[in-house]
Every structure is written in C-alpha cells, then in structure tokens.
Amino acid sequence: MTFEEALSAVKSGRRAARREWKNALYAGLERDGASDVRAVEYLPFFYVRTLSGALSVWTPSTQDLLAADWYLVESK
C-alpha cells in the first residue's frame, strides 16, 4: 500500500511498516497521554518500535513518503 493509505490507517489507531525496514517493527502515532509524572501534555508524534523493543520518535523520510511497500501490522 502507499504511504497515504498507511497514514490513514495509522491515524485511526493501526500500526504500519515497510517491507524494506530492517531495524524497525512498525510505526504508530501517539496522540494522547502524559510524557512524565507531572502529566505534561504533548502534541501528537509518530514513533517506531525498534527490533530491541524500544520506542523512538520518527519522521518519515522522502523514501518512506513515496514508497508503495507499506503494510498493516496487527496489534498484539
């Protein structure tokens, strides 16, 4: 699928990934919650879950935006 199709799914709470990715399991969108114990509000951001299990803030590259190898990842 295209990035646009994947983005629509991610905006609705799904997770997506690219077949070309080697170091990430999936990308998602964080849009609510607290960033620390003081319940500081934050703006929505994209993240990727890495193979090691860590979350990292993510910004799509030009290659990600133009790729057509996106697929949806089922939540566990």
N, C-alpha and C. Protein backbone atom coordinates (compact mmCIF):
# COMPACT_ATOMS: atom_id res chain seq x y z
N MET A 1 0.84 -1.17 0.00
CA MET A 1 0.00 0.00 0.00
C MET A 1 0.89 1.23 0.00
N THR A 2 0.32 2.36 -0.31
CA THR A 2 1.06 3.62 -0.34
C THR A 2 1.15 4.24 1.06
N PHE A 3 2.01 5.24 1.21
CA PHE A 3 2.11 5.94 2.48
C PHE A 3 0.78 6.57 2.86
N GLU A 4 0.08 7.14 1.89
CA GLU A 4 -1.20 7.78 2.18
C GLU A 4 -2.19 6.79 2.77
N GLU A 5 -2.23 5.59 2.23
CA GLU A 5 -3.12 4.55 2.75
C GLU A 5 -2.69 4.12 4.15
N ALA A 6 -1.39 3.95 4.34
CA ALA A 6 -0.86 3.58 5.65
C ALA A 6 -1.13 4.67 6.67
N LEU A 7 -0.94 5.94 6.27
CA LEU A 7 -1.17 7.06 7.17
C LEU A 7 -2.62 7.10 7.64
N SER A 8 -3.54 6.87 6.76
CA SER A 8 -4.95 6.85 7.13
C SER A 8 -5.21 5.78 8.19
N ALA A 9 -4.61 4.62 8.01
CA ALA A 9 -4.78 3.54 8.98
C ALA A 9 -4.12 3.89 10.31
N VAL A 10 -2.93 4.47 10.27
CA VAL A 10 -2.22 4.86 11.49
C VAL A 10 -3.00 5.92 12.25
N LYS A 11 -3.60 6.86 11.53
CA LYS A 11 -4.41 7.89 12.18
C LYS A 11 -5.62 7.29 12.90
N SER A 12 -6.09 6.16 12.44
CA SER A 12 -7.24 5.51 13.09
C SER A 12 -6.80 4.52 14.17
N GLY A 13 -5.50 4.52 14.51
CA GLY A 13 -5.03 3.68 15.60
C GLY A 13 -4.32 2.41 15.21
N ARG A 14 -4.19 2.14 13.93
CA ARG A 14 -3.49 0.94 13.47
C ARG A 14 -1.99 1.18 13.47
N ARG A 15 -1.22 0.15 13.16
CA ARG A 15 0.24 0.23 13.03
C ARG A 15 0.61 -0.19 11.62
N ALA A 16 1.66 0.42 11.09
CA ALA A 16 2.09 0.11 9.73
C ALA A 16 3.61 -0.02 9.68
N ALA A 17 4.10 -0.71 8.68
CA ALA A 17 5.54 -0.89 8.49
C ALA A 17 5.83 -0.97 7.00
N ARG A 18 7.11 -0.84 6.68
CA ARG A 18 7.56 -1.01 5.30
C ARG A 18 8.31 -2.33 5.17
N ARG A 19 8.13 -2.99 4.05
CA ARG A 19 8.83 -4.26 3.82
C ARG A 19 10.34 -4.06 3.79
N GLU A 20 10.79 -2.86 3.42
CA GLU A 20 12.22 -2.57 3.31
C GLU A 20 12.89 -2.35 4.67
N TRP A 21 12.12 -2.05 5.69
CA TRP A 21 12.71 -1.76 7.00
C TRP A 21 13.42 -2.98 7.57
N LYS A 22 14.62 -2.74 8.11
CA LYS A 22 15.40 -3.81 8.72
C LYS A 22 15.51 -3.64 10.23
N ASN A 23 15.40 -2.39 10.74
CA ASN A 23 15.64 -2.12 12.15
C ASN A 23 14.40 -1.72 12.93
N ALA A 24 13.25 -1.72 12.31
CA ALA A 24 12.03 -1.31 12.99
C ALA A 24 10.93 -2.34 12.73
N LEU A 25 10.08 -2.53 13.73
CA LEU A 25 8.97 -3.45 13.59
C LEU A 25 7.75 -2.78 12.99
N TYR A 26 7.45 -1.55 13.46
CA TYR A 26 6.28 -0.84 12.95
C TYR A 26 6.34 0.62 13.36
N ALA A 27 5.49 1.43 12.71
CA ALA A 27 5.32 2.84 13.05
C ALA A 27 3.91 3.03 13.58
N GLY A 28 3.77 3.98 14.48
CA GLY A 28 2.47 4.30 15.04
C GLY A 28 2.38 5.78 15.32
N LEU A 29 1.24 6.20 15.83
CA LEU A 29 1.00 7.60 16.16
C LEU A 29 0.58 7.69 17.61
N GLU A 30 1.32 8.46 18.39
CA GLU A 30 0.95 8.74 19.78
C GLU A 30 0.23 10.07 19.80
N ARG A 31 -1.00 10.09 20.29
CA ARG A 31 -1.76 11.34 20.24
C ARG A 31 -2.32 11.78 21.57
N ASP A 32 -2.23 10.96 22.60
CA ASP A 32 -2.70 11.41 23.90
C ASP A 32 -1.95 10.68 25.01
N GLY A 33 -2.02 11.19 26.19
CA GLY A 33 -1.31 10.62 27.31
C GLY A 33 -0.40 11.65 27.94
N ALA A 34 0.39 11.21 28.86
CA ALA A 34 1.30 12.11 29.59
C ALA A 34 2.74 11.68 29.36
N SER A 35 3.61 12.65 29.23
CA SER A 35 5.01 12.36 28.96
C SER A 35 5.82 12.12 30.22
N ASP A 36 5.34 12.52 31.38
CA ASP A 36 6.03 12.24 32.65
C ASP A 36 5.03 12.29 33.80
N VAL A 37 5.51 12.12 35.01
CA VAL A 37 4.61 12.03 36.17
C VAL A 37 3.86 13.31 36.45
N ARG A 38 4.31 14.44 35.95
CA ARG A 38 3.61 15.70 36.16
C ARG A 38 2.46 15.86 35.16
N ALA A 39 2.19 14.85 34.36
CA ALA A 39 1.10 14.87 33.38
C ALA A 39 1.22 16.05 32.43
N VAL A 40 2.41 16.26 31.90
CA VAL A 40 2.63 17.31 30.91
C VAL A 40 1.98 16.89 29.60
N GLU A 41 1.18 17.78 29.03
CA GLU A 41 0.57 17.47 27.73
C GLU A 41 1.62 17.58 26.63
N TYR A 42 1.43 16.79 25.59
CA TYR A 42 2.32 16.89 24.44
C TYR A 42 1.51 16.77 23.16
N LEU A 43 2.09 17.25 22.09
CA LEU A 43 1.46 17.19 20.78
C LEU A 43 1.62 15.80 20.19
N PRO A 44 0.76 15.40 19.26
CA PRO A 44 0.90 14.09 18.64
C PRO A 44 2.25 13.94 17.94
N PHE A 45 2.76 12.70 17.93
CA PHE A 45 4.01 12.42 17.23
C PHE A 45 4.00 10.99 16.71
N PHE A 46 4.77 10.76 15.65
CA PHE A 46 4.97 9.42 15.11
C PHE A 46 6.09 8.75 15.89
N TYR A 47 6.00 7.44 16.04
CA TYR A 47 7.07 6.68 16.65
C TYR A 47 7.28 5.39 15.88
N VAL A 48 8.44 4.78 16.06
CA VAL A 48 8.68 3.43 15.57
C VAL A 48 9.06 2.56 16.75
N ARG A 49 8.65 1.31 16.68
CA ARG A 49 9.08 0.30 17.65
C ARG A 49 10.26 -0.42 17.00
N THR A 50 11.41 -0.37 17.66
CA THR A 50 12.62 -0.98 17.11
C THR A 50 12.65 -2.48 17.40
N LEU A 51 13.57 -3.17 16.77
CA LEU A 51 13.70 -4.61 16.99
C LEU A 51 14.06 -4.93 18.44
N SER A 52 14.75 -4.00 19.11
CA SER A 52 15.12 -4.22 20.51
C SER A 52 13.95 -3.97 21.46
N GLY A 53 12.82 -3.47 20.93
CA GLY A 53 11.65 -3.21 21.75
C GLY A 53 11.50 -1.77 22.18
N ALA A 54 12.49 -0.93 21.87
CA ALA A 54 12.44 0.47 22.26
C ALA A 54 11.52 1.25 21.33
N LEU A 55 10.98 2.37 21.84
CA LEU A 55 10.22 3.30 21.02
C LEU A 55 11.12 4.48 20.69
N SER A 56 11.02 4.99 19.47
CA SER A 56 11.80 6.14 19.06
C SER A 56 10.91 7.09 18.27
N VAL A 57 11.05 8.38 18.53
CA VAL A 57 10.32 9.37 17.73
C VAL A 57 10.77 9.20 16.28
N TRP A 58 9.82 9.32 15.34
CA TRP A 58 10.12 9.03 13.94
C TRP A 58 9.51 10.10 13.05
N THR A 59 10.27 10.49 12.04
CA THR A 59 9.79 11.38 10.99
C THR A 59 9.97 10.65 9.66
N PRO A 60 8.91 10.48 8.87
CA PRO A 60 9.04 9.77 7.59
C PRO A 60 10.05 10.46 6.67
N SER A 61 10.87 9.66 6.01
CA SER A 61 11.81 10.18 5.02
C SER A 61 11.10 10.34 3.67
N THR A 62 11.76 10.97 2.73
CA THR A 62 11.21 11.09 1.38
C THR A 62 10.94 9.70 0.80
N GLN A 63 11.85 8.76 1.03
CA GLN A 63 11.66 7.39 0.54
C GLN A 63 10.44 6.75 1.18
N ASP A 64 10.23 6.99 2.49
CA ASP A 64 9.04 6.45 3.15
C ASP A 64 7.76 7.04 2.54
N LEU A 65 7.77 8.35 2.29
CA LEU A 65 6.59 9.02 1.74
C LEU A 65 6.23 8.53 0.35
N LEU A 66 7.22 8.17 -0.44
CA LEU A 66 6.99 7.77 -1.83
C LEU A 66 6.89 6.26 -2.03
N ALA A 67 7.14 5.49 -0.98
CA ALA A 67 7.15 4.03 -1.09
C ALA A 67 5.74 3.47 -1.23
N ALA A 68 5.67 2.31 -1.87
CA ALA A 68 4.39 1.61 -2.02
C ALA A 68 4.47 0.22 -1.39
N ASP A 69 5.44 0.02 -0.47
CA ASP A 69 5.60 -1.29 0.17
C ASP A 69 5.12 -1.31 1.62
N TRP A 70 4.21 -0.41 1.96
CA TRP A 70 3.66 -0.35 3.31
C TRP A 70 2.67 -1.49 3.52
N TYR A 71 2.59 -1.98 4.74
CA TYR A 71 1.57 -2.97 5.10
C TYR A 71 1.16 -2.74 6.54
N LEU A 72 0.01 -3.25 6.92
CA LEU A 72 -0.50 -3.07 8.28
C LEU A 72 0.02 -4.17 9.18
N VAL A 73 0.32 -3.80 10.43
CA VAL A 73 0.82 -4.73 11.43
C VAL A 73 -0.25 -4.89 12.48
N GLU A 74 -0.62 -6.12 12.77
CA GLU A 74 -1.67 -6.36 13.75
C GLU A 74 -1.14 -6.12 15.16
N SER A 75 -1.95 -5.53 16.00
CA SER A 75 -1.59 -5.31 17.41
C SER A 75 -1.61 -6.63 18.14
N LYS A 76 -0.73 -6.73 19.15
CA LYS A 76 -0.67 -7.97 19.94
C LYS A 76 -1.42 -7.82 21.22
